[in-house]
Amino acid sequence: LQGREQNGWTCIQFKRLLDTCDSMDVRIKSGTNVIIFAYGLVDPDLSRPDGDIFYHGTRRGTRMIPLQSYGNSPTEDKFSELDSFEFRFNNVSVAC
């Protein structure tokens, strides 16, 4: 998991196995997958013992998006076929 904030945009990148063999994980399949997200308004200070992550309240949702995996690193041609989606929020900080 990695993320960054720049010019009012937050970008988060994550990766994991398509099938983790964990009964609590949902297998990532070819085609459309459901992504669940939630975000808070305050960055936690994880350097402090009381740097808790606060409840997100109603700032949450789901999106159905296509996730794709490649056996080899994608070439530029493969990138042109990828779909994307945007979450746009005003005045939001995200901790990663």
PDB file of N, CA and C in Angstrom:
ATOM      1  N   LEU A   1       0.856  -1.169   0.000  1.00  0.00           N
ATOM      2  CA  LEU A   1       0.000   0.000   0.000  1.00  0.00           C
ATOM      3  C   LEU A   1       0.896   1.225   0.000  1.00  0.00           C
ATOM      4  N   GLN A   2       0.619   2.128  -0.867  1.00  0.00           N
ATOM      5  CA  GLN A   2       1.305   3.411  -0.853  1.00  0.00           C
ATOM      6  C   GLN A   2       0.341   4.483  -1.318  1.00  0.00           C
ATOM      7  N   GLY A   3       0.589   5.690  -0.905  1.00  0.00           N
ATOM      8  CA  GLY A   3      -0.282   6.784  -1.304  1.00  0.00           C
ATOM      9  C   GLY A   3       0.447   8.104  -1.269  1.00  0.00           C
ATOM     10  N   ARG A   4      -0.150   9.077  -1.913  1.00  0.00           N
ATOM     11  CA  ARG A   4       0.420  10.417  -1.906  1.00  0.00           C
ATOM     12  C   ARG A   4      -0.694  11.436  -2.114  1.00  0.00           C
ATOM     13  N   GLU A   5      -0.441  12.643  -1.634  1.00  0.00           N
ATOM     14  CA  GLU A   5      -1.335  13.768  -1.857  1.00  0.00           C
ATOM     15  C   GLU A   5      -0.563  14.816  -2.639  1.00  0.00           C
ATOM     16  N   GLN A   6      -1.185  15.349  -3.683  1.00  0.00           N
ATOM     17  CA  GLN A   6      -0.515  16.361  -4.497  1.00  0.00           C
ATOM     18  C   GLN A   6      -1.559  17.205  -5.208  1.00  0.00           C
ATOM     19  N   ASN A   7      -1.435  18.513  -5.089  1.00  0.00           N
ATOM     20  CA  ASN A   7      -2.318  19.462  -5.776  1.00  0.00           C
ATOM     21  C   ASN A   7      -3.799  19.151  -5.555  1.00  0.00           C
ATOM     22  N   GLY A   8      -4.161  18.788  -4.333  1.00  0.00           N
ATOM     23  CA  GLY A   8      -5.559  18.521  -4.019  1.00  0.00           C
ATOM     24  C   GLY A   8      -6.050  17.137  -4.402  1.00  0.00           C
ATOM     25  N   TRP A   9      -5.180  16.274  -4.893  1.00  0.00           N
ATOM     26  CA  TRP A   9      -5.551  14.914  -5.290  1.00  0.00           C
ATOM     27  C   TRP A   9      -4.854  13.912  -4.384  1.00  0.00           C
ATOM     28  N   THR A  10      -5.536  12.827  -4.088  1.00  0.00           N
ATOM     29  CA  THR A  10      -4.945  11.726  -3.341  1.00  0.00           C
ATOM     30  C   THR A  10      -4.913  10.507  -4.240  1.00  0.00           C
ATOM     31  N   CYS A  11      -3.771   9.871  -4.319  1.00  0.00           N
ATOM     32  CA  CYS A  11      -3.611   8.665  -5.127  1.00  0.00           C
ATOM     33  C   CYS A  11      -3.170   7.535  -4.204  1.00  0.00           C
ATOM     34  N   ILE A  12      -3.888   6.426  -4.233  1.00  0.00           N
ATOM     35  CA  ILE A  12      -3.554   5.269  -3.413  1.00  0.00           C
ATOM     36  C   ILE A  12      -3.351   4.082  -4.337  1.00  0.00           C
ATOM     37  N   GLN A  13      -2.245   3.384  -4.148  1.00  0.00           N
ATOM     38  CA  GLN A  13      -1.955   2.195  -4.941  1.00  0.00           C
ATOM     39  C   GLN A  13      -1.832   1.011  -3.988  1.00  0.00           C
ATOM     40  N   PHE A  14      -2.433  -0.095  -4.369  1.00  0.00           N
ATOM     41  CA  PHE A  14      -2.327  -1.294  -3.547  1.00  0.00           C
ATOM     42  C   PHE A  14      -2.161  -2.501  -4.450  1.00  0.00           C
ATOM     43  N   LYS A  15      -1.591  -3.550  -3.884  1.00  0.00           N
ATOM     44  CA  LYS A  15      -1.536  -4.810  -4.612  1.00  0.00           C
ATOM     45  C   LYS A  15      -1.594  -5.950  -3.611  1.00  0.00           C
ATOM     46  N   ARG A  16      -2.104  -7.071  -4.083  1.00  0.00           N
ATOM     47  CA  ARG A  16      -2.176  -8.281  -3.282  1.00  0.00           C
ATOM     48  C   ARG A  16      -2.373  -9.448  -4.231  1.00  0.00           C
ATOM     49  N   LEU A  17      -2.284 -10.648  -3.712  1.00  0.00           N
ATOM     50  CA  LEU A  17      -2.524 -11.833  -4.523  1.00  0.00           C
ATOM     51  C   LEU A  17      -3.973 -11.857  -4.992  1.00  0.00           C
ATOM     52  N   LEU A  18      -4.207 -12.404  -6.183  1.00  0.00           N
ATOM     53  CA  LEU A  18      -5.580 -12.541  -6.671  1.00  0.00           C
ATOM     54  C   LEU A  18      -6.375 -13.472  -5.770  1.00  0.00           C
ATOM     55  N   ASP A  19      -5.751 -14.537  -5.311  1.00  0.00           N
ATOM     56  CA  ASP A  19      -6.388 -15.477  -4.385  1.00  0.00           C
ATOM     57  C   ASP A  19      -5.422 -15.704  -3.232  1.00  0.00           C
ATOM     58  N   THR A  20      -5.737 -15.176  -2.064  1.00  0.00           N
ATOM     59  CA  THR A  20      -4.841 -15.259  -0.910  1.00  0.00           C
ATOM     60  C   THR A  20      -4.971 -16.572  -0.151  1.00  0.00           C
ATOM     61  N   CYS A  21      -5.982 -17.371  -0.476  1.00  0.00           N
ATOM     62  CA  CYS A  21      -6.277 -18.621   0.239  1.00  0.00           C
ATOM     63  C   CYS A  21      -6.701 -18.357   1.681  1.00  0.00           C
ATOM     64  N   ASP A  22      -7.101 -17.136   1.983  1.00  0.00           N
ATOM     65  CA  ASP A  22      -7.610 -16.758   3.300  1.00  0.00           C
ATOM     66  C   ASP A  22      -9.129 -16.716   3.198  1.00  0.00           C
ATOM     67  N   SER A  23      -9.809 -17.439   4.064  1.00  0.00           N
ATOM     68  CA  SER A  23     -11.274 -17.511   3.996  1.00  0.00           C
ATOM     69  C   SER A  23     -11.935 -16.155   4.247  1.00  0.00           C
ATOM     70  N   MET A  24     -11.205 -15.199   4.838  1.00  0.00           N
ATOM     71  CA  MET A  24     -11.765 -13.878   5.103  1.00  0.00           C
ATOM     72  C   MET A  24     -11.546 -12.903   3.943  1.00  0.00           C
ATOM     73  N   ASP A  25     -10.764 -13.291   2.932  1.00  0.00           N
ATOM     74  CA  ASP A  25     -10.511 -12.442   1.764  1.00  0.00           C
ATOM     75  C   ASP A  25     -11.392 -12.873   0.604  1.00  0.00           C
ATOM     76  N   VAL A  26     -11.803 -11.917  -0.194  1.00  0.00           N
ATOM     77  CA  VAL A  26     -12.562 -12.203  -1.411  1.00  0.00           C
ATOM     78  C   VAL A  26     -11.566 -12.323  -2.560  1.00  0.00           C
ATOM     79  N   ARG A  27     -11.696 -13.381  -3.346  1.00  0.00           N
ATOM     80  CA  ARG A  27     -10.811 -13.599  -4.486  1.00  0.00           C
ATOM     81  C   ARG A  27     -11.045 -12.513  -5.529  1.00  0.00           C
ATOM     82  N   ILE A  28      -9.973 -11.957  -6.073  1.00  0.00           N
ATOM     83  CA  ILE A  28     -10.084 -10.986  -7.160  1.00  0.00           C
ATOM     84  C   ILE A  28     -10.214 -11.769  -8.448  1.00  0.00           C
ATOM     85  N   LYS A  29     -11.306 -11.559  -9.154  1.00  0.00           N
ATOM     86  CA  LYS A  29     -11.590 -12.322 -10.363  1.00  0.00           C
ATOM     87  C   LYS A  29     -11.409 -11.459 -11.602  1.00  0.00           C
ATOM     88  N   SER A  30     -11.360 -12.098 -12.748  1.00  0.00           N
ATOM     89  CA  SER A  30     -11.327 -11.353 -14.003  1.00  0.00           C
ATOM     90  C   SER A  30     -12.651 -10.632 -14.170  1.00  0.00           C
ATOM     91  N   GLY A  31     -12.626  -9.484 -14.765  1.00  0.00           N
ATOM     92  CA  GLY A  31     -13.854  -8.719 -14.962  1.00  0.00           C
ATOM     93  C   GLY A  31     -14.080  -7.746 -13.824  1.00  0.00           C
ATOM     94  N   THR A  32     -15.341  -7.468 -13.553  1.00  0.00           N
ATOM     95  CA  THR A  32     -15.717  -6.444 -12.582  1.00  0.00           C
ATOM     96  C   THR A  32     -15.652  -6.976 -11.155  1.00  0.00           C
ATOM     97  N   ASN A  33     -15.077  -6.189 -10.263  1.00  0.00           N
ATOM     98  CA  ASN A  33     -14.987  -6.500  -8.841  1.00  0.00           C
ATOM     99  C   ASN A  33     -15.575  -5.334  -8.055  1.00  0.00           C
ATOM    100  N   VAL A  34     -16.090  -5.626  -6.878  1.00  0.00           N
ATOM    101  CA  VAL A  34     -16.638  -4.581  -6.011  1.00  0.00           C
ATOM    102  C   VAL A  34     -15.541  -4.120  -5.057  1.00  0.00           C
ATOM    103  N   ILE A  35     -15.296  -2.819  -5.027  1.00  0.00           N
ATOM    104  CA  ILE A  35     -14.324  -2.205  -4.125  1.00  0.00           C
ATOM    105  C   ILE A  35     -15.102  -1.456  -3.052  1.00  0.00           C
ATOM    106  N   ILE A  36     -14.727  -1.661  -1.796  1.00  0.00           N
ATOM    107  CA  ILE A  36     -15.339  -0.973  -0.658  1.00  0.00           C
ATOM    108  C   ILE A  36     -14.329   0.056  -0.153  1.00  0.00           C
ATOM    109  N   PHE A  37     -14.784   1.285   0.112  1.00  0.00           N
ATOM    110  CA  PHE A  37     -13.863   2.312   0.598  1.00  0.00           C
ATOM    111  C   PHE A  37     -14.500   3.107   1.725  1.00  0.00           C
ATOM    112  N   ALA A  38     -13.651   3.697   2.542  1.00  0.00           N
ATOM    113  CA  ALA A  38     -14.069   4.612   3.607  1.00  0.00           C
ATOM    114  C   ALA A  38     -12.903   5.556   3.869  1.00  0.00           C
ATOM    115  N   TYR A  39     -13.204   6.772   4.288  1.00  0.00           N
ATOM    116  CA  TYR A  39     -12.143   7.735   4.566  1.00  0.00           C
ATOM    117  C   TYR A  39     -12.562   8.650   5.702  1.00  0.00           C
ATOM    118  N   GLY A  40     -11.593   9.076   6.470  1.00  0.00           N
ATOM    119  CA  GLY A  40     -11.827   9.999   7.562  1.00  0.00           C
ATOM    120  C   GLY A  40     -11.389  11.401   7.192  1.00  0.00           C
ATOM    121  N   LEU A  41     -11.622  12.340   8.091  1.00  0.00           N
ATOM    122  CA  LEU A  41     -11.269  13.738   7.845  1.00  0.00           C
ATOM    123  C   LEU A  41      -9.972  14.156   8.521  1.00  0.00           C
ATOM    124  N   VAL A  42      -9.460  13.315   9.427  1.00  0.00           N
ATOM    125  CA  VAL A  42      -8.281  13.672  10.203  1.00  0.00           C
ATOM    126  C   VAL A  42      -7.215  12.598  10.021  1.00  0.00           C
ATOM    127  N   ASP A  43      -5.988  13.025   9.694  1.00  0.00           N
ATOM    128  CA  ASP A  43      -4.870  12.083   9.618  1.00  0.00           C
ATOM    129  C   ASP A  43      -4.484  11.661  11.029  1.00  0.00           C
ATOM    130  N   PRO A  44      -4.365  10.359  11.289  1.00  0.00           N
ATOM    131  CA  PRO A  44      -3.915   9.933  12.619  1.00  0.00           C
ATOM    132  C   PRO A  44      -2.423  10.201  12.783  1.00  0.00           C
ATOM    133  N   ASP A  45      -2.004  10.491  13.999  1.00  0.00           N
ATOM    134  CA  ASP A  45      -0.582  10.645  14.301  1.00  0.00           C
ATOM    135  C   ASP A  45      -0.113   9.317  14.882  1.00  0.00           C
ATOM    136  N   LEU A  46       0.349   8.427  14.019  1.00  0.00           N
ATOM    137  CA  LEU A  46       0.705   7.079  14.441  1.00  0.00           C
ATOM    138  C   LEU A  46       2.012   7.031  15.221  1.00  0.00           C
ATOM    139  N   SER A  47       2.715   8.156  15.332  1.00  0.00           N
ATOM    140  CA  SER A  47       3.930   8.191  16.144  1.00  0.00           C
ATOM    141  C   SER A  47       3.592   8.320  17.629  1.00  0.00           C
ATOM    142  N   ARG A  48       2.345   8.653  17.930  1.00  0.00           N
ATOM    143  CA  ARG A  48       1.908   8.796  19.323  1.00  0.00           C
ATOM    144  C   ARG A  48       1.123   7.566  19.738  1.00  0.00           C
ATOM    145  N   PRO A  49       1.241   7.152  21.005  1.00  0.00           N
ATOM    146  CA  PRO A  49       0.490   5.978  21.475  1.00  0.00           C
ATOM    147  C   PRO A  49      -1.025   6.150  21.338  1.00  0.00           C
ATOM    148  N   ASP A  50      -1.514   7.391  21.440  1.00  0.00           N
ATOM    149  CA  ASP A  50      -2.956   7.631  21.331  1.00  0.00           C
ATOM    150  C   ASP A  50      -3.341   8.096  19.924  1.00  0.00           C
ATOM    151  N   GLY A  51      -2.497   7.826  18.937  1.00  0.00           N
ATOM    152  CA  GLY A  51      -2.760   8.259  17.564  1.00  0.00           C
ATOM    153  C   GLY A  51      -3.752   7.360  16.857  1.00  0.00           C
ATOM    154  N   ASP A  52      -4.943   7.284  17.392  1.00  0.00           N
ATOM    155  CA  ASP A  52      -5.965   6.390  16.860  1.00  0.00           C
ATOM    156  C   ASP A  52      -6.478   6.844  15.502  1.00  0.00           C
ATOM    157  N   ILE A  53      -6.957   5.893  14.741  1.00  0.00           N
ATOM    158  CA  ILE A  53      -7.672   6.175  13.499  1.00  0.00           C
ATOM    159  C   ILE A  53      -9.138   6.326  13.874  1.00  0.00           C
ATOM    160  N   PHE A  54      -9.738   7.451  13.519  1.00  0.00           N
ATOM    161  CA  PHE A  54     -11.105   7.733  13.917  1.00  0.00           C
ATOM    162  C   PHE A  54     -12.109   7.158  12.932  1.00  0.00           C
ATOM    163  N   TYR A  55     -13.312   6.897  13.424  1.00  0.00           N
ATOM    164  CA  TYR A  55     -14.391   6.336  12.616  1.00  0.00           C
ATOM    165  C   TYR A  55     -14.739   7.280  11.463  1.00  0.00           C
ATOM    166  N   HIS A  56     -15.008   6.729  10.318  1.00  0.00           N
ATOM    167  CA  HIS A  56     -15.260   7.502   9.100  1.00  0.00           C
ATOM    168  C   HIS A  56     -16.671   8.062   8.996  1.00  0.00           C
ATOM    169  N   GLY A  57     -17.582   7.603   9.834  1.00  0.00           N
ATOM    170  CA  GLY A  57     -18.964   8.085   9.748  1.00  0.00           C
ATOM    171  C   GLY A  57     -19.612   7.665   8.443  1.00  0.00           C
ATOM    172  N   THR A  58     -20.256   8.605   7.783  1.00  0.00           N
ATOM    173  CA  THR A  58     -20.966   8.288   6.532  1.00  0.00           C
ATOM    174  C   THR A  58     -20.075   8.416   5.301  1.00  0.00           C
ATOM    175  N   ARG A  59     -18.804   8.706   5.487  1.00  0.00           N
ATOM    176  CA  ARG A  59     -17.877   8.867   4.356  1.00  0.00           C
ATOM    177  C   ARG A  59     -17.368   7.500   3.916  1.00  0.00           C
ATOM    178  N   ARG A  60     -18.190   6.804   3.155  1.00  0.00           N
ATOM    179  CA  ARG A  60     -17.879   5.443   2.719  1.00  0.00           C
ATOM    180  C   ARG A  60     -18.700   5.107   1.494  1.00  0.00           C
ATOM    181  N   GLY A  61     -18.365   4.017   0.847  1.00  0.00           N
ATOM    182  CA  GLY A  61     -19.130   3.617  -0.324  1.00  0.00           C
ATOM    183  C   GLY A  61     -18.544   2.395  -1.002  1.00  0.00           C
ATOM    184  N   THR A  62     -19.088   2.090  -2.148  1.00  0.00           N
ATOM    185  CA  THR A  62     -18.612   0.979  -2.965  1.00  0.00           C
ATOM    186  C   THR A  62     -18.568   1.424  -4.416  1.00  0.00           C
ATOM    187  N   ARG A  63     -17.741   0.786  -5.186  1.00  0.00           N
ATOM    188  CA  ARG A  63     -17.682   0.989  -6.635  1.00  0.00           C
ATOM    189  C   ARG A  63     -17.429  -0.363  -7.278  1.00  0.00           C
ATOM    190  N   MET A  64     -18.028  -0.561  -8.428  1.00  0.00           N
ATOM    191  CA  MET A  64     -17.757  -1.755  -9.223  1.00  0.00           C
ATOM    192  C   MET A  64     -16.762  -1.348 -10.306  1.00  0.00           C
ATOM    193  N   ILE A  65     -15.571  -1.951 -10.279  1.00  0.00           N
ATOM    194  CA  ILE A  65     -14.543  -1.593 -11.255  1.00  0.00           C
ATOM    195  C   ILE A  65     -13.872  -2.853 -11.792  1.00  0.00           C
ATOM    196  N   PRO A  66     -13.369  -2.784 -13.003  1.00  0.00           N
ATOM    197  CA  PRO A  66     -12.601  -3.917 -13.524  1.00  0.00           C
ATOM    198  C   PRO A  66     -11.179  -3.875 -12.970  1.00  0.00           C
ATOM    199  N   LEU A  67     -10.718  -4.986 -12.436  1.00  0.00           N
ATOM    200  CA  LEU A  67      -9.338  -5.116 -11.985  1.00  0.00           C
ATOM    201  C   LEU A  67      -8.670  -6.138 -12.885  1.00  0.00           C
ATOM    202  N   GLN A  68      -7.484  -5.831 -13.339  1.00  0.00           N
ATOM    203  CA  GLN A  68      -6.788  -6.731 -14.249  1.00  0.00           C
ATOM    204  C   GLN A  68      -5.417  -7.046 -13.690  1.00  0.00           C
ATOM    205  N   SER A  69      -4.923  -8.225 -14.026  1.00  0.00           N
ATOM    206  CA  SER A  69      -3.598  -8.638 -13.614  1.00  0.00           C
ATOM    207  C   SER A  69      -2.867  -9.177 -14.826  1.00  0.00           C
ATOM    208  N   TYR A  70      -1.573  -8.970 -14.842  1.00  0.00           N
ATOM    209  CA  TYR A  70      -0.753  -9.438 -15.950  1.00  0.00           C
ATOM    210  C   TYR A  70       0.333 -10.350 -15.409  1.00  0.00           C
ATOM    211  N   GLY A  71       0.627 -11.415 -16.149  1.00  0.00           N
ATOM    212  CA  GLY A  71       1.720 -12.297 -15.767  1.00  0.00           C
ATOM    213  C   GLY A  71       3.056 -11.590 -15.829  1.00  0.00           C
ATOM    214  N   ASN A  72       3.208 -10.696 -16.778  1.00  0.00           N
ATOM    215  CA  ASN A  72       4.415  -9.886 -16.925  1.00  0.00           C
ATOM    216  C   ASN A  72       4.035  -8.426 -16.733  1.00  0.00           C
ATOM    217  N   SER A  73       5.014  -7.602 -16.508  1.00  0.00           N
ATOM    218  CA  SER A  73       4.728  -6.172 -16.369  1.00  0.00           C
ATOM    219  C   SER A  73       4.029  -5.659 -17.616  1.00  0.00           C
ATOM    220  N   PRO A  74       3.010  -4.819 -17.463  1.00  0.00           N
ATOM    221  CA  PRO A  74       2.271  -4.330 -18.626  1.00  0.00           C
ATOM    222  C   PRO A  74       3.130  -3.449 -19.526  1.00  0.00           C
ATOM    223  N   THR A  75       2.876  -3.545 -20.811  1.00  0.00           N
ATOM    224  CA  THR A  75       3.523  -2.653 -21.763  1.00  0.00           C
ATOM    225  C   THR A  75       2.645  -1.427 -21.931  1.00  0.00           C
ATOM    226  N   GLU A  76       3.144  -0.420 -22.589  1.00  0.00           N
ATOM    227  CA  GLU A  76       2.368   0.798 -22.803  1.00  0.00           C
ATOM    228  C   GLU A  76       1.073   0.500 -23.554  1.00  0.00           C
ATOM    229  N   ASP A  77       1.082  -0.452 -24.493  1.00  0.00           N
ATOM    230  CA  ASP A  77      -0.130  -0.814 -25.221  1.00  0.00           C
ATOM    231  C   ASP A  77      -1.201  -1.338 -24.274  1.00  0.00           C
ATOM    232  N   LYS A  78      -0.807  -2.127 -23.286  1.00  0.00           N
ATOM    233  CA  LYS A  78      -1.783  -2.667 -22.336  1.00  0.00           C
ATOM    234  C   LYS A  78      -2.371  -1.553 -21.469  1.00  0.00           C
ATOM    235  N   PHE A  79      -1.549  -0.554 -21.115  1.00  0.00           N
ATOM    236  CA  PHE A  79      -2.066   0.550 -20.312  1.00  0.00           C
ATOM    237  C   PHE A  79      -3.194   1.288 -21.019  1.00  0.00           C
ATOM    238  N   SER A  80      -3.150   1.370 -22.323  1.00  0.00           N
ATOM    239  CA  SER A  80      -4.170   2.120 -23.060  1.00  0.00           C
ATOM    240  C   SER A  80      -5.543   1.471 -22.943  1.00  0.00           C
ATOM    241  N   GLU A  81      -5.611   0.201 -22.577  1.00  0.00           N
ATOM    242  CA  GLU A  81      -6.881  -0.513 -22.451  1.00  0.00           C
ATOM    243  C   GLU A  81      -7.457  -0.463 -21.037  1.00  0.00           C
ATOM    244  N   LEU A  82      -6.711   0.050 -20.076  1.00  0.00           N
ATOM    245  CA  LEU A  82      -7.164   0.040 -18.690  1.00  0.00           C
ATOM    246  C   LEU A  82      -8.264   1.063 -18.454  1.00  0.00           C
ATOM    247  N   ASP A  83      -9.202   0.707 -17.586  1.00  0.00           N
ATOM    248  CA  ASP A  83     -10.234   1.634 -17.140  1.00  0.00           C
ATOM    249  C   ASP A  83      -9.752   2.296 -15.856  1.00  0.00           C
ATOM    250  N   SER A  84     -10.336   3.419 -15.523  1.00  0.00           N
ATOM    251  CA  SER A  84     -10.001   4.085 -14.275  1.00  0.00           C
ATOM    252  C   SER A  84     -11.263   4.680 -13.679  1.00  0.00           C
ATOM    253  N   PHE A  85     -11.165   5.066 -12.421  1.00  0.00           N
ATOM    254  CA  PHE A  85     -12.277   5.756 -11.779  1.00  0.00           C
ATOM    255  C   PHE A  85     -11.702   6.779 -10.826  1.00  0.00           C
ATOM    256  N   GLU A  86     -12.492   7.773 -10.491  1.00  0.00           N
ATOM    257  CA  GLU A  86     -12.050   8.847  -9.619  1.00  0.00           C
ATOM    258  C   GLU A  86     -13.009   8.999  -8.456  1.00  0.00           C
ATOM    259  N   PHE A  87     -12.445   9.248  -7.266  1.00  0.00           N
ATOM    260  CA  PHE A  87     -13.212   9.694  -6.115  1.00  0.00           C
ATOM    261  C   PHE A  87     -12.826  11.153  -5.938  1.00  0.00           C
ATOM    262  N   ARG A  88     -13.769  12.062  -5.988  1.00  0.00           N
ATOM    263  CA  ARG A  88     -13.460  13.485  -5.805  1.00  0.00           C
ATOM    264  C   ARG A  88     -14.174  13.995  -4.559  1.00  0.00           C
ATOM    265  N   PHE A  89     -13.382  14.525  -3.634  1.00  0.00           N
ATOM    266  CA  PHE A  89     -13.904  15.078  -2.398  1.00  0.00           C
ATOM    267  C   PHE A  89     -13.186  16.391  -2.140  1.00  0.00           C
ATOM    268  N   ASN A  90     -13.859  17.334  -1.516  1.00  0.00           N
ATOM    269  CA  ASN A  90     -13.250  18.609  -1.161  1.00  0.00           C
ATOM    270  C   ASN A  90     -12.717  18.561   0.262  1.00  0.00           C
ATOM    271  N   ASN A  91     -11.540  19.145   0.471  1.00  0.00           N
ATOM    272  CA  ASN A  91     -10.959  19.316   1.806  1.00  0.00           C
ATOM    273  C   ASN A  91     -10.884  18.028   2.602  1.00  0.00           C
ATOM    274  N   VAL A  92     -10.293  16.989   2.025  1.00  0.00           N
ATOM    275  CA  VAL A  92     -10.183  15.695   2.688  1.00  0.00           C
ATOM    276  C   VAL A  92      -8.715  15.315   2.792  1.00  0.00           C
ATOM    277  N   SER A  93      -8.301  14.846   3.964  1.00  0.00           N
ATOM    278  CA  SER A  93      -6.952  14.317   4.150  1.00  0.00           C
ATOM    279  C   SER A  93      -7.048  12.812   4.286  1.00  0.00           C
ATOM    280  N   VAL A  94      -6.107  12.098   3.704  1.00  0.00           N
ATOM    281  CA  VAL A  94      -6.101  10.641   3.762  1.00  0.00           C
ATOM    282  C   VAL A  94      -4.772  10.188   4.342  1.00  0.00           C
ATOM    283  N   ALA A  95      -4.818   9.273   5.313  1.00  0.00           N
ATOM    284  CA  ALA A  95      -3.597   8.711   5.895  1.00  0.00           C
ATOM    285  C   ALA A  95      -3.364   7.336   5.308  1.00  0.00           C
ATOM    286  N   CYS A  96      -2.146   7.069   4.926  1.00  0.00           N
ATOM    287  CA  CYS A  96      -1.802   5.768   4.345  1.00  0.00           C
ATOM    288  C   CYS A  96      -0.727   5.108   5.163  1.00  0.00           C
TER     289      CYS A  96
END
